[in-house]
Amino acid sequence: MARTHRSEWWRSAHVNFYKYFFIFAVILCSSGSTVSLAENLPSSAMEYQIKAAFLYKFCLYIDWPPTAFANANSPFVFGIAAPDSFISELNAVVKDHTINNRPVQVRRVDDGDLTDVNVLFVARPNQTLLPQLLVKIQNSPLLIVTESEHGLDDGGTINFSLKNNRVIFEVALDTANQQGLRLSAQLLKVASNVRGESMP
C-alpha cells in the first residue's frame, strides 16, 4: 500500500463512530459480505465490524520477526477468542487479502491452542481466558489485542475501548518490544495512548 494511502486511512481514525462504520462498511462490502447501513444496527455489531477492520489494518503497520513463521509459505494466522459474530466479521474483512504476502487464516483458540498464531484477539466476553493463554505465549512474537478496561496491564499489546461513541485504541510499546514486534510510527501516532519510553 502506498504511503499516501496509508496516511489517508490513519487520518480517518479521528472521525466519529458512525463515520468509522461507513468507511469500514466499504471494506467489508468489497470483501464480499453484505452490510446493512441502517442506523438502528445494534452498537455491538457496529463495534465488531469496526474492530475487525482495525485488527486487519493493524497488521499492515507491524513487522513480525522471521522467527514468527515456520517457513516462507506459512500463512498469517489470527487466533480469536471471541463470539462467533466477531469471527464472521473478521473472515469477511480478510477474505481474498494477504498480510506480508502471506495468505490469511482465522482460527478460534478457545481451546488454548496457539500453534502458529501471529495475532491473538481476546474479546471482552472471553477475557477470563487471557491468563491461561498468556502462559502459553511467554514473550513469543505474537500481537495480543484486548478490549478490557485494564487490557494493557493484563498483558495486551493493543487494547480497544470506546470514548464518546468512538472506537479508540491504546498501545503498550514496551510489551511489543518484548514480543519482538516493530510498530510503525503511523500506528503509534493515532493511538489514544502509547505506553513505553522507546519509540521505533
N, C-alpha and C. Protein backbone atom coordinates (compact mmCIF):
# COMPACT_ATOMS: atom_id res chain seq x y z
N MET A 1 0.85 -1.20 0.00
CA MET A 1 0.00 0.00 0.00
C MET A 1 0.88 1.23 0.00
N ALA A 2 0.57 2.21 -0.82
CA ALA A 2 1.38 3.42 -0.93
C ALA A 2 1.32 4.21 0.36
N ARG A 3 2.41 4.95 0.61
CA ARG A 3 2.47 5.76 1.84
C ARG A 3 1.30 6.73 1.93
N THR A 4 0.93 7.35 0.78
CA THR A 4 -0.16 8.33 0.78
C THR A 4 -1.47 7.67 1.19
N HIS A 5 -1.75 6.49 0.66
CA HIS A 5 -2.98 5.81 1.01
C HIS A 5 -3.01 5.44 2.48
N ARG A 6 -1.87 5.02 3.04
CA ARG A 6 -1.82 4.67 4.45
C ARG A 6 -2.10 5.90 5.31
N SER A 7 -1.49 7.03 4.96
CA SER A 7 -1.69 8.24 5.74
C SER A 7 -3.14 8.68 5.73
N GLU A 8 -3.78 8.58 4.55
CA GLU A 8 -5.18 8.96 4.46
C GLU A 8 -6.05 8.07 5.33
N TRP A 9 -5.75 6.78 5.33
CA TRP A 9 -6.57 5.87 6.14
C TRP A 9 -6.43 6.19 7.62
N TRP A 10 -5.18 6.41 8.09
CA TRP A 10 -4.99 6.66 9.51
C TRP A 10 -5.58 8.01 9.93
N ARG A 11 -5.57 8.99 9.05
CA ARG A 11 -6.19 10.27 9.41
C ARG A 11 -7.68 10.09 9.65
N SER A 12 -8.29 9.14 8.98
CA SER A 12 -9.72 8.90 9.16
C SER A 12 -10.03 8.32 10.53
N ALA A 13 -8.99 7.89 11.26
CA ALA A 13 -9.21 7.27 12.57
C ALA A 13 -9.78 8.23 13.59
N HIS A 14 -9.75 9.54 13.30
CA HIS A 14 -10.24 10.51 14.27
C HIS A 14 -11.67 10.98 13.98
N VAL A 15 -12.32 10.40 13.00
CA VAL A 15 -13.71 10.76 12.76
C VAL A 15 -14.58 10.06 13.78
N ASN A 16 -15.89 10.44 13.81
CA ASN A 16 -16.75 9.88 14.85
C ASN A 16 -17.11 8.43 14.57
N PHE A 17 -17.77 7.82 15.54
CA PHE A 17 -18.07 6.38 15.49
C PHE A 17 -18.82 6.00 14.24
N TYR A 18 -19.84 6.78 13.85
CA TYR A 18 -20.67 6.40 12.71
C TYR A 18 -19.92 6.56 11.40
N LYS A 19 -19.04 7.54 11.30
CA LYS A 19 -18.24 7.66 10.08
C LYS A 19 -17.28 6.47 9.96
N TYR A 20 -16.76 6.02 11.07
CA TYR A 20 -15.97 4.80 11.07
C TYR A 20 -16.75 3.68 10.38
N PHE A 21 -18.00 3.56 10.81
CA PHE A 21 -18.81 2.45 10.30
C PHE A 21 -18.95 2.52 8.80
N PHE A 22 -19.23 3.69 8.26
CA PHE A 22 -19.41 3.81 6.82
C PHE A 22 -18.10 3.52 6.07
N ILE A 23 -16.98 3.98 6.61
CA ILE A 23 -15.69 3.72 5.97
C ILE A 23 -15.41 2.22 5.91
N PHE A 24 -15.59 1.56 7.04
CA PHE A 24 -15.23 0.15 7.09
C PHE A 24 -16.29 -0.73 6.44
N ALA A 25 -17.52 -0.24 6.33
CA ALA A 25 -18.53 -0.98 5.60
C ALA A 25 -18.12 -1.16 4.15
N VAL A 26 -17.46 -0.15 3.60
CA VAL A 26 -16.96 -0.25 2.23
C VAL A 26 -15.94 -1.37 2.12
N ILE A 27 -15.04 -1.45 3.14
CA ILE A 27 -14.05 -2.52 3.15
C ILE A 27 -14.74 -3.87 3.20
N LEU A 28 -15.74 -3.98 4.08
CA LEU A 28 -16.42 -5.25 4.23
C LEU A 28 -17.17 -5.63 2.97
N CYS A 29 -17.83 -4.68 2.35
CA CYS A 29 -18.58 -4.97 1.12
C CYS A 29 -17.62 -5.40 0.02
N SER A 30 -16.47 -4.77 -0.06
CA SER A 30 -15.52 -5.14 -1.10
C SER A 30 -14.96 -6.52 -0.87
N SER A 31 -15.13 -7.03 0.37
CA SER A 31 -14.65 -8.38 0.67
C SER A 31 -15.72 -9.41 0.42
N GLY A 32 -16.86 -8.97 -0.08
CA GLY A 32 -17.90 -9.92 -0.46
C GLY A 32 -18.99 -10.12 0.57
N SER A 33 -18.96 -9.37 1.67
CA SER A 33 -20.00 -9.53 2.67
C SER A 33 -21.11 -8.52 2.43
N THR A 34 -22.26 -8.80 3.01
CA THR A 34 -23.40 -7.89 2.90
C THR A 34 -23.55 -7.15 4.20
N VAL A 35 -23.53 -5.82 4.16
CA VAL A 35 -23.57 -5.00 5.36
C VAL A 35 -24.73 -4.04 5.29
N SER A 36 -25.54 -4.02 6.32
CA SER A 36 -26.63 -3.06 6.39
C SER A 36 -26.12 -1.76 6.98
N LEU A 37 -26.51 -0.62 6.40
CA LEU A 37 -26.11 0.67 6.92
C LEU A 37 -27.22 1.32 7.74
N ALA A 38 -28.18 0.51 8.16
CA ALA A 38 -29.30 1.05 8.93
C ALA A 38 -28.80 1.65 10.23
N GLU A 39 -29.35 2.80 10.60
CA GLU A 39 -28.89 3.49 11.79
C GLU A 39 -29.25 2.73 13.06
N ASN A 40 -30.26 1.84 12.99
CA ASN A 40 -30.65 1.12 14.18
C ASN A 40 -29.88 -0.19 14.34
N LEU A 41 -28.79 -0.37 13.57
CA LEU A 41 -27.97 -1.54 13.73
C LEU A 41 -27.42 -1.54 15.15
N PRO A 42 -27.48 -2.67 15.89
CA PRO A 42 -27.01 -2.69 17.28
C PRO A 42 -25.57 -2.21 17.38
N SER A 43 -25.28 -1.44 18.43
CA SER A 43 -23.95 -0.87 18.57
C SER A 43 -22.88 -1.95 18.69
N SER A 44 -23.22 -3.10 19.29
CA SER A 44 -22.24 -4.17 19.39
C SER A 44 -21.84 -4.69 18.03
N ALA A 45 -22.80 -4.76 17.11
CA ALA A 45 -22.49 -5.20 15.75
C ALA A 45 -21.60 -4.18 15.06
N MET A 46 -21.88 -2.89 15.25
CA MET A 46 -21.03 -1.84 14.69
C MET A 46 -19.61 -1.97 15.22
N GLU A 47 -19.50 -2.18 16.52
CA GLU A 47 -18.18 -2.31 17.14
C GLU A 47 -17.40 -3.45 16.52
N TYR A 48 -18.04 -4.59 16.36
CA TYR A 48 -17.34 -5.76 15.82
C TYR A 48 -16.88 -5.52 14.38
N GLN A 49 -17.71 -4.86 13.59
CA GLN A 49 -17.32 -4.56 12.21
C GLN A 49 -16.11 -3.65 12.18
N ILE A 50 -16.14 -2.63 13.02
CA ILE A 50 -15.05 -1.66 13.06
C ILE A 50 -13.78 -2.30 13.60
N LYS A 51 -13.90 -3.04 14.69
CA LYS A 51 -12.73 -3.65 15.31
C LYS A 51 -12.11 -4.72 14.43
N ALA A 52 -12.94 -5.45 13.72
CA ALA A 52 -12.41 -6.46 12.80
C ALA A 52 -11.59 -5.79 11.71
N ALA A 53 -12.08 -4.67 11.18
CA ALA A 53 -11.34 -3.93 10.17
C ALA A 53 -10.04 -3.37 10.74
N PHE A 54 -10.11 -2.84 11.95
CA PHE A 54 -8.91 -2.34 12.61
C PHE A 54 -7.89 -3.46 12.80
N LEU A 55 -8.35 -4.62 13.23
CA LEU A 55 -7.45 -5.72 13.52
C LEU A 55 -6.64 -6.10 12.29
N TYR A 56 -7.30 -6.13 11.15
CA TYR A 56 -6.58 -6.40 9.90
C TYR A 56 -5.62 -5.26 9.57
N LYS A 57 -6.08 -4.01 9.70
CA LYS A 57 -5.25 -2.86 9.35
C LYS A 57 -4.02 -2.75 10.24
N PHE A 58 -4.17 -3.08 11.54
CA PHE A 58 -3.01 -3.04 12.43
C PHE A 58 -1.84 -3.82 11.83
N CYS A 59 -2.16 -4.97 11.27
CA CYS A 59 -1.12 -5.89 10.80
C CYS A 59 -0.35 -5.35 9.61
N LEU A 60 -0.89 -4.36 8.93
CA LEU A 60 -0.19 -3.74 7.81
C LEU A 60 0.84 -2.72 8.28
N TYR A 61 0.82 -2.41 9.58
CA TYR A 61 1.71 -1.41 10.15
C TYR A 61 2.61 -2.00 11.23
N ILE A 62 2.73 -3.32 11.22
CA ILE A 62 3.56 -4.01 12.21
C ILE A 62 4.46 -5.01 11.49
N ASP A 63 5.71 -5.08 11.92
CA ASP A 63 6.65 -6.05 11.38
C ASP A 63 6.88 -7.17 12.39
N TRP A 64 6.72 -8.41 11.94
CA TRP A 64 7.00 -9.59 12.76
C TRP A 64 8.40 -10.09 12.42
N PRO A 65 9.12 -10.61 13.40
CA PRO A 65 10.45 -11.17 13.10
C PRO A 65 10.30 -12.46 12.29
N PRO A 66 11.32 -12.84 11.53
CA PRO A 66 11.25 -14.07 10.72
C PRO A 66 10.91 -15.31 11.54
N THR A 67 11.30 -15.31 12.82
CA THR A 67 11.04 -16.48 13.68
C THR A 67 9.56 -16.69 13.97
N ALA A 68 8.72 -15.70 13.63
CA ALA A 68 7.28 -15.82 13.88
C ALA A 68 6.61 -16.81 12.92
N PHE A 69 7.33 -17.19 11.86
CA PHE A 69 6.74 -18.07 10.84
C PHE A 69 7.63 -19.29 10.63
N ALA A 70 6.99 -20.42 10.47
CA ALA A 70 7.73 -21.67 10.30
C ALA A 70 8.56 -21.67 9.02
N ASN A 71 8.00 -21.11 7.95
CA ASN A 71 8.73 -21.04 6.68
C ASN A 71 8.13 -19.94 5.81
N ALA A 72 8.69 -19.77 4.64
CA ALA A 72 8.27 -18.68 3.75
C ALA A 72 6.84 -18.83 3.26
N ASN A 73 6.31 -20.05 3.32
CA ASN A 73 4.95 -20.29 2.82
C ASN A 73 3.91 -20.35 3.93
N SER A 74 4.33 -20.11 5.16
CA SER A 74 3.39 -20.19 6.28
C SER A 74 2.33 -19.10 6.19
N PRO A 75 1.08 -19.42 6.52
CA PRO A 75 0.03 -18.40 6.49
C PRO A 75 0.16 -17.45 7.67
N PHE A 76 -0.53 -16.33 7.57
CA PHE A 76 -0.63 -15.38 8.68
C PHE A 76 -1.91 -15.76 9.43
N VAL A 77 -1.78 -16.08 10.73
CA VAL A 77 -2.89 -16.67 11.47
C VAL A 77 -3.41 -15.74 12.56
N PHE A 78 -4.71 -15.46 12.52
CA PHE A 78 -5.41 -14.77 13.61
C PHE A 78 -5.99 -15.82 14.54
N GLY A 79 -5.61 -15.78 15.80
CA GLY A 79 -6.22 -16.64 16.81
C GLY A 79 -7.26 -15.83 17.58
N ILE A 80 -8.51 -16.27 17.54
CA ILE A 80 -9.60 -15.45 18.06
C ILE A 80 -10.34 -16.15 19.21
N ALA A 81 -10.40 -15.47 20.35
CA ALA A 81 -11.24 -15.89 21.46
C ALA A 81 -12.34 -14.84 21.57
N ALA A 82 -13.42 -15.07 20.85
CA ALA A 82 -14.48 -14.06 20.73
C ALA A 82 -15.76 -14.75 20.26
N PRO A 83 -16.90 -14.07 20.38
CA PRO A 83 -18.15 -14.63 19.87
C PRO A 83 -18.09 -14.91 18.38
N ASP A 84 -18.94 -15.80 17.92
CA ASP A 84 -18.98 -16.17 16.50
C ASP A 84 -19.19 -14.97 15.59
N SER A 85 -19.96 -13.99 16.07
CA SER A 85 -20.26 -12.82 15.24
C SER A 85 -18.99 -12.05 14.90
N PHE A 86 -18.05 -11.97 15.85
CA PHE A 86 -16.79 -11.27 15.56
C PHE A 86 -15.97 -12.07 14.56
N ILE A 87 -15.91 -13.36 14.73
CA ILE A 87 -15.14 -14.21 13.81
C ILE A 87 -15.70 -14.10 12.40
N SER A 88 -17.02 -14.03 12.28
CA SER A 88 -17.63 -13.86 10.95
C SER A 88 -17.23 -12.53 10.33
N GLU A 89 -17.22 -11.46 11.12
CA GLU A 89 -16.83 -10.15 10.61
C GLU A 89 -15.37 -10.15 10.16
N LEU A 90 -14.49 -10.76 10.95
CA LEU A 90 -13.08 -10.79 10.59
C LEU A 90 -12.85 -11.61 9.33
N ASN A 91 -13.55 -12.74 9.21
CA ASN A 91 -13.44 -13.54 7.99
C ASN A 91 -13.85 -12.73 6.76
N ALA A 92 -14.88 -11.90 6.92
CA ALA A 92 -15.33 -11.05 5.81
C ALA A 92 -14.27 -10.03 5.44
N VAL A 93 -13.60 -9.47 6.44
CA VAL A 93 -12.58 -8.45 6.20
C VAL A 93 -11.38 -9.03 5.48
N VAL A 94 -10.90 -10.18 5.91
CA VAL A 94 -9.64 -10.72 5.38
C VAL A 94 -9.82 -11.57 4.13
N LYS A 95 -11.05 -11.83 3.76
CA LYS A 95 -11.29 -12.67 2.59
C LYS A 95 -10.57 -12.11 1.35
N ASP A 96 -9.81 -12.97 0.70
CA ASP A 96 -9.07 -12.62 -0.52
C ASP A 96 -7.96 -11.59 -0.29
N HIS A 97 -7.59 -11.38 0.97
CA HIS A 97 -6.50 -10.46 1.29
C HIS A 97 -5.29 -11.24 1.78
N THR A 98 -4.14 -10.58 1.77
CA THR A 98 -2.91 -11.15 2.31
C THR A 98 -2.30 -10.17 3.29
N ILE A 99 -1.39 -10.67 4.11
CA ILE A 99 -0.60 -9.83 5.01
C ILE A 99 0.86 -10.21 4.80
N ASN A 100 1.66 -9.25 4.40
CA ASN A 100 3.07 -9.53 4.08
C ASN A 100 3.20 -10.66 3.07
N ASN A 101 2.30 -10.63 2.09
CA ASN A 101 2.28 -11.61 1.01
C ASN A 101 1.97 -13.03 1.48
N ARG A 102 1.40 -13.15 2.66
CA ARG A 102 1.01 -14.45 3.18
C ARG A 102 -0.50 -14.58 3.17
N PRO A 103 -1.04 -15.76 2.84
CA PRO A 103 -2.48 -15.97 2.95
C PRO A 103 -2.90 -15.86 4.41
N VAL A 104 -4.14 -15.46 4.64
CA VAL A 104 -4.62 -15.21 5.99
C VAL A 104 -5.58 -16.30 6.43
N GLN A 105 -5.42 -16.75 7.67
CA GLN A 105 -6.34 -17.71 8.27
C GLN A 105 -6.89 -17.14 9.57
N VAL A 106 -8.14 -17.44 9.85
CA VAL A 106 -8.78 -17.04 11.11
C VAL A 106 -9.16 -18.31 11.85
N ARG A 107 -8.71 -18.44 13.10
CA ARG A 107 -8.93 -19.67 13.84
C ARG A 107 -9.39 -19.37 15.26
N ARG A 108 -10.38 -20.10 15.71
CA ARG A 108 -10.84 -19.97 17.10
C ARG A 108 -9.82 -20.64 18.01
N VAL A 109 -9.51 -19.98 19.15
CA VAL A 109 -8.49 -20.52 20.05
C VAL A 109 -9.01 -20.68 21.47
N ASP A 110 -10.31 -20.86 21.62
CA ASP A 110 -10.86 -21.06 22.95
C ASP A 110 -10.27 -22.29 23.65
N ASP A 111 -9.76 -23.24 22.85
CA ASP A 111 -9.19 -24.45 23.43
C ASP A 111 -7.75 -24.25 23.90
N GLY A 112 -7.22 -23.05 23.69
CA GLY A 112 -5.88 -22.75 24.17
C GLY A 112 -4.76 -23.10 23.22
N ASP A 113 -5.08 -23.61 22.03
CA ASP A 113 -4.05 -23.97 21.06
C ASP A 113 -3.62 -22.73 20.28
N LEU A 114 -2.40 -22.24 20.54
CA LEU A 114 -1.88 -21.04 19.88
C LEU A 114 -0.78 -21.38 18.88
N THR A 115 -0.73 -22.61 18.43
CA THR A 115 0.29 -23.02 17.47
C THR A 115 0.20 -22.18 16.20
N ASP A 116 1.32 -21.57 15.82
CA ASP A 116 1.45 -20.78 14.59
C ASP A 116 0.59 -19.52 14.57
N VAL A 117 0.02 -19.10 15.70
CA VAL A 117 -0.80 -17.90 15.75
C VAL A 117 0.10 -16.66 15.76
N ASN A 118 -0.26 -15.66 14.96
CA ASN A 118 0.50 -14.41 14.90
C ASN A 118 -0.19 -13.25 15.60
N VAL A 119 -1.53 -13.30 15.64
CA VAL A 119 -2.31 -12.28 16.34
C VAL A 119 -3.33 -12.98 17.22
N LEU A 120 -3.34 -12.63 18.49
CA LEU A 120 -4.34 -13.16 19.41
C LEU A 120 -5.29 -12.04 19.79
N PHE A 121 -6.58 -12.23 19.50
CA PHE A 121 -7.59 -11.25 19.91
C PHE A 121 -8.49 -11.91 20.95
N VAL A 122 -8.58 -11.28 22.12
CA VAL A 122 -9.43 -11.78 23.19
C VAL A 122 -10.52 -10.76 23.44
N ALA A 123 -11.75 -11.11 23.10
CA ALA A 123 -12.88 -10.20 23.26
C ALA A 123 -13.29 -10.11 24.72
N ARG A 124 -14.01 -9.08 25.04
CA ARG A 124 -14.44 -8.84 26.41
C ARG A 124 -15.17 -10.03 27.03
N PRO A 125 -16.11 -10.68 26.31
CA PRO A 125 -16.80 -11.83 26.90
C PRO A 125 -15.88 -13.02 27.18
N ASN A 126 -14.72 -13.04 26.56
CA ASN A 126 -13.78 -14.16 26.72
C ASN A 126 -12.55 -13.78 27.53
N GLN A 127 -12.62 -12.65 28.22
CA GLN A 127 -11.44 -12.10 28.90
C GLN A 127 -10.88 -13.05 29.96
N THR A 128 -11.71 -13.88 30.55
CA THR A 128 -11.22 -14.79 31.60
C THR A 128 -10.24 -15.82 31.04
N LEU A 129 -10.22 -15.99 29.71
CA LEU A 129 -9.29 -16.94 29.09
C LEU A 129 -7.88 -16.36 28.95
N LEU A 130 -7.75 -15.03 29.05
CA LEU A 130 -6.47 -14.40 28.77
C LEU A 130 -5.32 -14.92 29.61
N PRO A 131 -5.46 -15.04 30.94
CA PRO A 131 -4.30 -15.51 31.74
C PRO A 131 -3.77 -16.86 31.29
N GLN A 132 -4.64 -17.81 31.00
CA GLN A 132 -4.16 -19.12 30.60
C GLN A 132 -3.56 -19.10 29.20
N LEU A 133 -4.03 -18.19 28.35
CA LEU A 133 -3.45 -18.06 27.01
C LEU A 133 -2.06 -17.42 27.09
N LEU A 134 -1.90 -16.44 27.98
CA LEU A 134 -0.62 -15.76 28.12
C LEU A 134 0.47 -16.70 28.61
N VAL A 135 0.09 -17.66 29.42
CA VAL A 135 1.07 -18.63 29.91
C VAL A 135 1.71 -19.38 28.75
N LYS A 136 0.94 -19.62 27.70
CA LYS A 136 1.43 -20.37 26.54
C LYS A 136 2.30 -19.52 25.62
N ILE A 137 2.24 -18.19 25.78
CA ILE A 137 2.93 -17.30 24.85
C ILE A 137 4.35 -17.00 25.30
N GLN A 138 4.52 -16.53 26.53
CA GLN A 138 5.84 -16.27 27.10
C GLN A 138 6.75 -15.45 26.17
N ASN A 139 6.32 -14.23 25.88
CA ASN A 139 7.10 -13.29 25.06
C ASN A 139 7.37 -13.79 23.64
N SER A 140 6.48 -14.59 23.11
CA SER A 140 6.59 -15.03 21.72
C SER A 140 6.28 -13.85 20.80
N PRO A 141 6.73 -13.89 19.54
CA PRO A 141 6.44 -12.80 18.59
C PRO A 141 4.98 -12.85 18.15
N LEU A 142 4.12 -12.40 19.02
CA LEU A 142 2.68 -12.53 18.80
C LEU A 142 1.99 -11.26 19.29
N LEU A 143 1.18 -10.66 18.45
CA LEU A 143 0.44 -9.45 18.81
C LEU A 143 -0.78 -9.84 19.61
N ILE A 144 -0.93 -9.26 20.81
CA ILE A 144 -2.07 -9.56 21.68
C ILE A 144 -2.98 -8.34 21.71
N VAL A 145 -4.23 -8.51 21.30
CA VAL A 145 -5.19 -7.41 21.25
C VAL A 145 -6.35 -7.74 22.19
N THR A 146 -6.68 -6.79 23.04
CA THR A 146 -7.75 -6.97 24.02
C THR A 146 -8.76 -5.84 23.90
N GLU A 147 -9.82 -5.94 24.67
CA GLU A 147 -10.81 -4.85 24.73
C GLU A 147 -11.41 -4.76 26.13
N SER A 148 -10.53 -4.72 27.13
CA SER A 148 -10.98 -4.65 28.52
C SER A 148 -10.45 -3.38 29.17
N GLU A 149 -10.98 -3.07 30.32
CA GLU A 149 -10.62 -1.82 30.99
C GLU A 149 -9.12 -1.75 31.30
N HIS A 150 -8.54 -2.89 31.66
CA HIS A 150 -7.12 -2.92 32.02
C HIS A 150 -6.35 -3.83 31.07
N GLY A 151 -6.70 -3.77 29.79
CA GLY A 151 -6.13 -4.68 28.81
C GLY A 151 -4.61 -4.66 28.74
N LEU A 152 -4.01 -3.47 28.75
CA LEU A 152 -2.55 -3.38 28.66
C LEU A 152 -1.90 -3.92 29.92
N ASP A 153 -2.49 -3.64 31.07
CA ASP A 153 -1.95 -4.16 32.33
C ASP A 153 -2.08 -5.68 32.39
N ASP A 154 -3.08 -6.21 31.72
CA ASP A 154 -3.31 -7.66 31.73
C ASP A 154 -2.43 -8.41 30.74
N GLY A 155 -1.64 -7.68 29.93
CA GLY A 155 -0.73 -8.32 29.00
C GLY A 155 -0.97 -8.02 27.54
N GLY A 156 -1.96 -7.18 27.25
CA GLY A 156 -2.25 -6.84 25.86
C GLY A 156 -1.20 -5.91 25.26
N THR A 157 -1.02 -6.03 23.95
CA THR A 157 -0.14 -5.11 23.22
C THR A 157 -0.94 -3.91 22.73
N ILE A 158 -2.17 -4.18 22.28
CA ILE A 158 -3.11 -3.14 21.86
C ILE A 158 -4.43 -3.41 22.56
N ASN A 159 -5.06 -2.36 23.05
CA ASN A 159 -6.33 -2.51 23.74
C ASN A 159 -7.36 -1.54 23.18
N PHE A 160 -8.51 -2.08 22.78
CA PHE A 160 -9.62 -1.27 22.28
C PHE A 160 -10.44 -0.72 23.44
N SER A 161 -11.03 0.45 23.22
CA SER A 161 -12.04 0.98 24.14
C SER A 161 -12.95 1.93 23.38
N LEU A 162 -14.03 2.33 24.02
CA LEU A 162 -14.97 3.28 23.43
C LEU A 162 -14.89 4.59 24.21
N LYS A 163 -14.85 5.70 23.49
CA LYS A 163 -14.87 7.01 24.12
C LYS A 163 -15.71 7.94 23.27
N ASN A 164 -16.77 8.47 23.87
CA ASN A 164 -17.67 9.38 23.14
C ASN A 164 -18.14 8.78 21.82
N ASN A 165 -18.58 7.51 21.88
CA ASN A 165 -19.07 6.81 20.69
C ASN A 165 -18.00 6.63 19.61
N ARG A 166 -16.76 6.62 20.00
CA ARG A 166 -15.66 6.38 19.06
C ARG A 166 -14.87 5.17 19.52
N VAL A 167 -14.48 4.34 18.57
CA VAL A 167 -13.58 3.24 18.86
C VAL A 167 -12.16 3.80 18.87
N ILE A 168 -11.47 3.66 19.98
CA ILE A 168 -10.10 4.12 20.08
C ILE A 168 -9.23 2.95 20.55
N PHE A 169 -7.92 3.12 20.49
CA PHE A 169 -7.06 2.06 20.97
C PHE A 169 -5.81 2.65 21.59
N GLU A 170 -5.26 1.92 22.54
CA GLU A 170 -4.01 2.28 23.19
C GLU A 170 -2.99 1.18 22.95
N VAL A 171 -1.72 1.54 23.07
CA VAL A 171 -0.65 0.62 22.72
C VAL A 171 0.36 0.52 23.86
N ALA A 172 0.79 -0.69 24.15
CA ALA A 172 1.87 -0.92 25.11
C ALA A 172 3.13 -1.20 24.29
N LEU A 173 3.91 -0.16 24.04
CA LEU A 173 5.11 -0.31 23.21
C LEU A 173 6.15 -1.18 23.90
N ASP A 174 6.20 -1.12 25.23
CA ASP A 174 7.14 -1.96 25.96
C ASP A 174 6.82 -3.44 25.77
N THR A 175 5.52 -3.76 25.78
CA THR A 175 5.12 -5.15 25.54
C THR A 175 5.45 -5.58 24.12
N ALA A 176 5.21 -4.70 23.16
CA ALA A 176 5.53 -5.00 21.77
C ALA A 176 7.02 -5.29 21.60
N ASN A 177 7.86 -4.51 22.25
CA ASN A 177 9.30 -4.72 22.18
C ASN A 177 9.70 -6.07 22.75
N GLN A 178 9.08 -6.45 23.86
CA GLN A 178 9.35 -7.74 24.47
C GLN A 178 8.97 -8.89 23.53
N GLN A 179 7.93 -8.66 22.74
CA GLN A 179 7.45 -9.68 21.82
C GLN A 179 8.18 -9.67 20.49
N GLY A 180 9.13 -8.74 20.33
CA GLY A 180 9.90 -8.67 19.10
C GLY A 180 9.14 -8.08 17.93
N LEU A 181 8.09 -7.30 18.23
CA LEU A 181 7.28 -6.69 17.19
C LEU A 181 7.70 -5.25 16.98
N ARG A 182 7.72 -4.82 15.73
CA ARG A 182 8.07 -3.44 15.41
C ARG A 182 6.83 -2.73 14.90
N LEU A 183 6.35 -1.75 15.67
CA LEU A 183 5.15 -0.99 15.32
C LEU A 183 5.56 0.30 14.62
N SER A 184 4.89 0.61 13.51
CA SER A 184 5.25 1.79 12.76
C SER A 184 4.85 3.07 13.49
N ALA A 185 5.54 4.15 13.17
CA ALA A 185 5.23 5.45 13.76
C ALA A 185 3.83 5.90 13.39
N GLN A 186 3.34 5.51 12.20
CA GLN A 186 2.00 5.88 11.78
C GLN A 186 0.95 5.27 12.69
N LEU A 187 1.16 4.04 13.09
CA LEU A 187 0.23 3.38 14.00
C LEU A 187 0.24 4.06 15.36
N LEU A 188 1.43 4.33 15.88
CA LEU A 188 1.55 4.94 17.20
C LEU A 188 0.97 6.35 17.22
N LYS A 189 1.05 7.04 16.10
CA LYS A 189 0.61 8.43 16.04
C LYS A 189 -0.89 8.56 16.29
N VAL A 190 -1.67 7.56 15.89
CA VAL A 190 -3.12 7.68 16.03
C VAL A 190 -3.66 6.92 17.23
N ALA A 191 -2.78 6.30 18.02
CA ALA A 191 -3.22 5.65 19.25
C ALA A 191 -3.62 6.71 20.27
N SER A 192 -4.60 6.39 21.10
CA SER A 192 -5.03 7.34 22.13
C SER A 192 -3.99 7.47 23.23
N ASN A 193 -3.19 6.42 23.41
CA ASN A 193 -2.15 6.44 24.43
C ASN A 193 -1.09 5.42 24.02
N VAL A 194 0.19 5.78 24.21
CA VAL A 194 1.28 4.86 23.93
C VAL A 194 2.09 4.71 25.21
N ARG A 195 2.13 3.50 25.72
CA ARG A 195 2.88 3.24 26.95
C ARG A 195 4.24 2.66 26.62
N GLY A 196 5.27 3.18 27.23
CA GLY A 196 6.63 2.72 26.94
C GLY A 196 7.48 3.88 26.48
N GLU A 197 8.72 3.87 26.86
CA GLU A 197 9.58 5.03 26.62
C GLU A 197 10.19 5.06 25.23
N SER A 198 10.70 3.93 24.75
CA SER A 198 11.41 3.93 23.47
C SER A 198 10.44 3.93 22.33
N MET A 199 10.79 4.59 21.24
CA MET A 199 9.98 4.66 20.06
C MET A 199 10.77 4.06 18.89
N PRO A 200 10.06 3.28 17.98
CA PRO A 200 10.78 2.69 16.85
C PRO A 200 11.22 3.76 15.87
